[in-house]
Amino acid sequence: MIKIILLIIIAISVTAIFDARRIAEKYFSTADINKQVLLLKIAGFLVAVICAIILSFL
Protein backbone atom coordinates (compact mmCIF):
# COMPACT_ATOMS: atom_id res chain seq x y z
CA MET A 1 0.00 0.00 0.00
CA ILE A 2 2.80 2.41 0.89
CA LYS A 3 4.50 1.68 -2.45
CA ILE A 4 1.42 2.78 -4.36
CA ILE A 5 1.21 6.00 -2.35
CA LEU A 6 4.89 6.74 -3.01
CA LEU A 7 4.42 6.11 -6.75
CA ILE A 8 1.45 8.48 -6.80
CA ILE A 9 3.49 11.17 -5.02
CA ILE A 10 6.33 10.70 -7.52
CA ALA A 11 3.87 11.02 -10.42
CA ILE A 12 2.39 14.21 -8.97
CA SER A 13 5.81 15.76 -8.41
CA VAL A 14 6.97 14.92 -11.96
CA THR A 15 3.78 16.50 -13.28
CA ALA A 16 4.48 19.58 -11.17
CA ILE A 17 7.97 19.80 -12.66
CA PHE A 18 6.69 19.74 -16.24
CA ASP A 19 3.68 22.02 -15.62
CA ALA A 20 5.44 24.45 -13.27
CA ARG A 21 4.87 27.48 -15.48
CA ARG A 22 1.11 26.83 -15.79
CA ILE A 23 0.78 26.18 -12.06
CA ALA A 24 2.70 29.35 -11.20
CA GLU A 25 0.64 31.48 -13.57
CA LYS A 26 -2.60 30.10 -12.19
CA TYR A 27 -1.97 30.22 -8.44
CA PHE A 28 0.72 32.87 -7.83
CA SER A 29 1.01 36.56 -8.60
CA THR A 30 2.63 37.66 -11.84
CA ALA A 31 5.24 39.83 -10.14
CA ASP A 32 8.04 37.28 -10.00
CA ILE A 33 6.84 34.28 -12.00
CA ASN A 34 10.29 32.93 -12.90
CA LYS A 35 11.32 32.58 -9.27
CA GLN A 36 8.10 30.72 -8.48
CA VAL A 37 8.63 28.37 -11.44
CA LEU A 38 12.17 27.61 -10.28
CA LEU A 39 10.95 26.98 -6.73
CA LEU A 40 8.23 24.61 -7.96
CA LYS A 41 10.69 22.68 -10.10
CA ILE A 42 13.20 22.32 -7.27
CA ALA A 43 10.52 21.25 -4.80
CA GLY A 44 9.07 18.72 -7.24
CA PHE A 45 12.51 17.30 -7.96
CA LEU A 46 13.38 16.95 -4.28
CA VAL A 47 10.07 15.27 -3.44
CA ALA A 48 10.45 12.85 -6.34
CA VAL A 49 14.01 11.93 -5.39
CA ILE A 50 13.20 11.47 -1.70
CA CYS A 51 10.19 9.27 -2.51
CA ALA A 52 12.24 7.23 -4.98
CA ILE A 53 14.93 6.64 -2.37
CA ILE A 54 12.33 5.55 0.17
CA LEU A 55 10.72 3.32 -2.44
CA SER A 56 14.01 1.65 -3.27
CA PHE A 57 14.60 0.70 0.38
CA LEU A 58 11.16 -0.86 0.86
C-alpha atoms as a PDB file:
ATOM      1  CA  MET A   1       0.000   0.000   0.000  1.00  0.00           C
ATOM      2  CA  ILE A   2       2.804   2.411   0.889  1.00  0.00           C
ATOM      3  CA  LYS A   3       4.505   1.678  -2.450  1.00  0.00           C
ATOM      4  CA  ILE A   4       1.416   2.780  -4.356  1.00  0.00           C
ATOM      5  CA  ILE A   5       1.212   6.004  -2.351  1.00  0.00           C
ATOM      6  CA  LEU A   6       4.888   6.736  -3.015  1.00  0.00           C
ATOM      7  CA  LEU A   7       4.423   6.111  -6.746  1.00  0.00           C
ATOM      8  CA  ILE A   8       1.454   8.482  -6.802  1.00  0.00           C
ATOM      9  CA  ILE A   9       3.493  11.170  -5.019  1.00  0.00           C
ATOM     10  CA  ILE A  10       6.328  10.697  -7.519  1.00  0.00           C
ATOM     11  CA  ALA A  11       3.874  11.024 -10.420  1.00  0.00           C
ATOM     12  CA  ILE A  12       2.393  14.215  -8.969  1.00  0.00           C
ATOM     13  CA  SER A  13       5.809  15.757  -8.406  1.00  0.00           C
ATOM     14  CA  VAL A  14       6.966  14.922 -11.955  1.00  0.00           C
ATOM     15  CA  THR A  15       3.778  16.501 -13.279  1.00  0.00           C
ATOM     16  CA  ALA A  16       4.485  19.579 -11.168  1.00  0.00           C
ATOM     17  CA  ILE A  17       7.973  19.805 -12.664  1.00  0.00           C
ATOM     18  CA  PHE A  18       6.690  19.742 -16.242  1.00  0.00           C
ATOM     19  CA  ASP A  19       3.682  22.023 -15.620  1.00  0.00           C
ATOM     20  CA  ALA A  20       5.435  24.446 -13.271  1.00  0.00           C
ATOM     21  CA  ARG A  21       4.868  27.477 -15.479  1.00  0.00           C
ATOM     22  CA  ARG A  22       1.113  26.832 -15.789  1.00  0.00           C
ATOM     23  CA  ILE A  23       0.784  26.176 -12.060  1.00  0.00           C
ATOM     24  CA  ALA A  24       2.696  29.352 -11.201  1.00  0.00           C
ATOM     25  CA  GLU A  25       0.637  31.484 -13.569  1.00  0.00           C
ATOM     26  CA  LYS A  26      -2.604  30.095 -12.191  1.00  0.00           C
ATOM     27  CA  TYR A  27      -1.967  30.224  -8.440  1.00  0.00           C
ATOM     28  CA  PHE A  28       0.719  32.872  -7.829  1.00  0.00           C
ATOM     29  CA  SER A  29       1.010  36.563  -8.602  1.00  0.00           C
ATOM     30  CA  THR A  30       2.629  37.656 -11.841  1.00  0.00           C
ATOM     31  CA  ALA A  31       5.243  39.833 -10.137  1.00  0.00           C
ATOM     32  CA  ASP A  32       8.043  37.277  -9.998  1.00  0.00           C
ATOM     33  CA  ILE A  33       6.844  34.284 -11.998  1.00  0.00           C
ATOM     34  CA  ASN A  34      10.294  32.933 -12.902  1.00  0.00           C
ATOM     35  CA  LYS A  35      11.319  32.583  -9.269  1.00  0.00           C
ATOM     36  CA  GLN A  36       8.103  30.724  -8.481  1.00  0.00           C
ATOM     37  CA  VAL A  37       8.625  28.369 -11.435  1.00  0.00           C
ATOM     38  CA  LEU A  38      12.166  27.610 -10.278  1.00  0.00           C
ATOM     39  CA  LEU A  39      10.945  26.983  -6.734  1.00  0.00           C
ATOM     40  CA  LEU A  40       8.226  24.610  -7.959  1.00  0.00           C
ATOM     41  CA  LYS A  41      10.687  22.678 -10.105  1.00  0.00           C
ATOM     42  CA  ILE A  42      13.197  22.316  -7.273  1.00  0.00           C
ATOM     43  CA  ALA A  43      10.516  21.252  -4.796  1.00  0.00           C
ATOM     44  CA  GLY A  44       9.071  18.722  -7.244  1.00  0.00           C
ATOM     45  CA  PHE A  45      12.512  17.296  -7.960  1.00  0.00           C
ATOM     46  CA  LEU A  46      13.379  16.953  -4.280  1.00  0.00           C
ATOM     47  CA  VAL A  47      10.074  15.275  -3.440  1.00  0.00           C
ATOM     48  CA  ALA A  48      10.447  12.846  -6.340  1.00  0.00           C
ATOM     49  CA  VAL A  49      14.014  11.932  -5.392  1.00  0.00           C
ATOM     50  CA  ILE A  50      13.201  11.466  -1.705  1.00  0.00           C
ATOM     51  CA  CYS A  51      10.188   9.272  -2.508  1.00  0.00           C
ATOM     52  CA  ALA A  52      12.243   7.233  -4.982  1.00  0.00           C
ATOM     53  CA  ILE A  53      14.928   6.645  -2.367  1.00  0.00           C
ATOM     54  CA  ILE A  54      12.331   5.550   0.175  1.00  0.00           C
ATOM     55  CA  LEU A  55      10.719   3.318  -2.436  1.00  0.00           C
ATOM     56  CA  SER A  56      14.014   1.646  -3.275  1.00  0.00           C
ATOM     57  CA  PHE A  57      14.598   0.696   0.376  1.00  0.00           C
ATOM     58  CA  LEU A  58      11.160  -0.855   0.861  1.00  0.00           C
END
